[in-house]
Amino acid sequence: MAKQDYSNYQQKVIKNYYENLDTIALTRLQELVTDLYLAETPAKKKRLWQQVEKALTKLKIKPVTKARILETQDIKILAQNLQEWLR
């Protein structure tokens, strides 16, 4: 595949995206916490927890912490950890 040439503006956008990946992932995790609180069906909760797992992987959270959050699937524990990560 040929190398794509990006304009200066596109290069800056791409660079900023990768520089702010942590912030983007944390924001997504905040949205997921809200969605989990509002989820009504078990199927929706299951799907949201799968998305939480992906977000935690992107953030490179310690495996012990990640496992605890995913095993308990307790929204309060997730929210408390998220507050700590945002500091």
C-alpha atoms as a PDB file:
ATOM      1  CA  MET A   1       0.000   0.000   0.000  1.00  0.00           C
ATOM      2  CA  ALA A   2       1.333   3.410  -0.902  1.00  0.00           C
ATOM      3  CA  LYS A   3       2.268   5.883   1.778  1.00  0.00           C
ATOM      4  CA  GLN A   4      -0.361   8.581   2.111  1.00  0.00           C
ATOM      5  CA  ASP A   5       0.638  12.203   2.110  1.00  0.00           C
ATOM      6  CA  TYR A   6      -1.279  14.240   4.648  1.00  0.00           C
ATOM      7  CA  SER A   7      -1.591  18.004   4.660  1.00  0.00           C
ATOM      8  CA  ASN A   8      -0.043  19.929   7.538  1.00  0.00           C
ATOM      9  CA  TYR A   9      -3.485  20.363   9.088  1.00  0.00           C
ATOM     10  CA  GLN A  10      -4.225  16.636   8.881  1.00  0.00           C
ATOM     11  CA  GLN A  11      -0.844  15.825  10.405  1.00  0.00           C
ATOM     12  CA  LYS A  12      -1.601  18.133  13.359  1.00  0.00           C
ATOM     13  CA  VAL A  13      -5.028  16.563  13.871  1.00  0.00           C
ATOM     14  CA  ILE A  14      -3.540  13.057  13.860  1.00  0.00           C
ATOM     15  CA  LYS A  15      -0.747  14.102  16.215  1.00  0.00           C
ATOM     16  CA  ASN A  16      -3.200  15.744  18.639  1.00  0.00           C
ATOM     17  CA  TYR A  17      -5.416  12.670  18.596  1.00  0.00           C
ATOM     18  CA  TYR A  18      -2.574  10.389  19.645  1.00  0.00           C
ATOM     19  CA  GLU A  19      -1.291  12.861  22.235  1.00  0.00           C
ATOM     20  CA  ASN A  20      -4.744  12.985  23.855  1.00  0.00           C
ATOM     21  CA  LEU A  21      -5.658   9.298  23.705  1.00  0.00           C
ATOM     22  CA  ASP A  22      -5.655   9.015  27.513  1.00  0.00           C
ATOM     23  CA  THR A  23      -8.106  11.881  27.859  1.00  0.00           C
ATOM     24  CA  ILE A  24     -10.308  10.459  25.124  1.00  0.00           C
ATOM     25  CA  ALA A  25     -10.383   7.020  26.782  1.00  0.00           C
ATOM     26  CA  LEU A  26     -11.156   8.519  30.211  1.00  0.00           C
ATOM     27  CA  THR A  27     -13.995  10.558  28.735  1.00  0.00           C
ATOM     28  CA  ARG A  28     -15.373   7.442  27.055  1.00  0.00           C
ATOM     29  CA  LEU A  29     -15.179   5.594  30.385  1.00  0.00           C
ATOM     30  CA  GLN A  30     -17.130   8.411  32.057  1.00  0.00           C
ATOM     31  CA  GLU A  31     -19.832   8.057  29.421  1.00  0.00           C
ATOM     32  CA  LEU A  32     -19.938   4.300  29.987  1.00  0.00           C
ATOM     33  CA  VAL A  33     -20.403   4.758  33.746  1.00  0.00           C
ATOM     34  CA  THR A  34     -23.379   7.006  33.063  1.00  0.00           C
ATOM     35  CA  ASP A  35     -24.808   4.545  30.555  1.00  0.00           C
ATOM     36  CA  LEU A  36     -24.387   1.679  33.036  1.00  0.00           C
ATOM     37  CA  TYR A  37     -26.321   3.570  35.697  1.00  0.00           C
ATOM     38  CA  LEU A  38     -29.128   4.141  33.209  1.00  0.00           C
ATOM     39  CA  ALA A  39     -29.117   0.683  31.582  1.00  0.00           C
ATOM     40  CA  GLU A  40     -32.322  -1.211  32.119  1.00  0.00           C
ATOM     41  CA  THR A  41     -31.830  -4.590  30.470  1.00  0.00           C
ATOM     42  CA  PRO A  42     -29.220  -7.232  31.336  1.00  0.00           C
ATOM     43  CA  ALA A  43     -28.246  -7.482  27.660  1.00  0.00           C
ATOM     44  CA  LYS A  44     -27.449  -3.780  27.496  1.00  0.00           C
ATOM     45  CA  LYS A  45     -25.447  -3.960  30.739  1.00  0.00           C
ATOM     46  CA  LYS A  46     -23.476  -6.906  29.384  1.00  0.00           C
ATOM     47  CA  ARG A  47     -22.629  -5.011  26.193  1.00  0.00           C
ATOM     48  CA  LEU A  48     -21.609  -1.912  28.173  1.00  0.00           C
ATOM     49  CA  TRP A  49     -19.331  -3.950  30.459  1.00  0.00           C
ATOM     50  CA  GLN A  50     -17.614  -5.344  27.354  1.00  0.00           C
ATOM     51  CA  GLN A  51     -16.994  -1.767  26.229  1.00  0.00           C
ATOM     52  CA  VAL A  52     -15.662  -0.928  29.707  1.00  0.00           C
ATOM     53  CA  GLU A  53     -13.194  -3.794  29.359  1.00  0.00           C
ATOM     54  CA  LYS A  54     -11.952  -2.400  26.038  1.00  0.00           C
ATOM     55  CA  ALA A  55     -11.606   1.098  27.518  1.00  0.00           C
ATOM     56  CA  LEU A  56      -9.642  -0.234  30.493  1.00  0.00           C
ATOM     57  CA  THR A  57      -7.338  -2.075  28.118  1.00  0.00           C
ATOM     58  CA  LYS A  58      -6.730   1.112  26.103  1.00  0.00           C
ATOM     59  CA  LEU A  59      -5.884   2.964  29.312  1.00  0.00           C
ATOM     60  CA  LYS A  60      -3.412   0.215  30.294  1.00  0.00           C
ATOM     61  CA  ILE A  61      -4.917  -0.149  33.764  1.00  0.00           C
ATOM     62  CA  LYS A  62      -3.130  -2.555  36.120  1.00  0.00           C
ATOM     63  CA  PRO A  63      -4.376  -6.115  35.522  1.00  0.00           C
ATOM     64  CA  VAL A  64      -5.308  -6.561  39.192  1.00  0.00           C
ATOM     65  CA  THR A  65      -7.482  -3.448  39.215  1.00  0.00           C
ATOM     66  CA  LYS A  66      -9.002  -4.283  35.844  1.00  0.00           C
ATOM     67  CA  ALA A  67      -9.812  -7.838  36.957  1.00  0.00           C
ATOM     68  CA  ARG A  68     -11.433  -6.630  40.182  1.00  0.00           C
ATOM     69  CA  ILE A  69     -13.634  -4.144  38.359  1.00  0.00           C
ATOM     70  CA  LEU A  70     -14.700  -6.649  35.722  1.00  0.00           C
ATOM     71  CA  GLU A  71     -15.267  -9.530  38.164  1.00  0.00           C
ATOM     72  CA  THR A  72     -17.492  -7.543  40.493  1.00  0.00           C
ATOM     73  CA  GLN A  73     -19.084  -5.453  37.735  1.00  0.00           C
ATOM     74  CA  ASP A  74     -19.839  -2.899  40.431  1.00  0.00           C
ATOM     75  CA  ILE A  75     -20.490   0.531  38.961  1.00  0.00           C
ATOM     76  CA  LYS A  76     -19.528   2.251  42.222  1.00  0.00           C
ATOM     77  CA  ILE A  77     -16.067   0.668  42.222  1.00  0.00           C
ATOM     78  CA  LEU A  78     -15.591   1.674  38.594  1.00  0.00           C
ATOM     79  CA  ALA A  79     -16.724   5.234  39.320  1.00  0.00           C
ATOM     80  CA  GLN A  80     -14.418   5.528  42.353  1.00  0.00           C
ATOM     81  CA  ASN A  81     -11.416   4.324  40.366  1.00  0.00           C
ATOM     82  CA  LEU A  82     -12.328   6.663  37.539  1.00  0.00           C
ATOM     83  CA  GLN A  83     -12.330   9.643  39.917  1.00  0.00           C
ATOM     84  CA  GLU A  84      -8.828   8.686  41.073  1.00  0.00           C
ATOM     85  CA  TRP A  85      -7.581   8.346  37.485  1.00  0.00           C
ATOM     86  CA  LEU A  86      -8.973  11.759  36.598  1.00  0.00           C
ATOM     87  CA  ARG A  87      -6.850  13.444  39.268  1.00  0.00           C
END
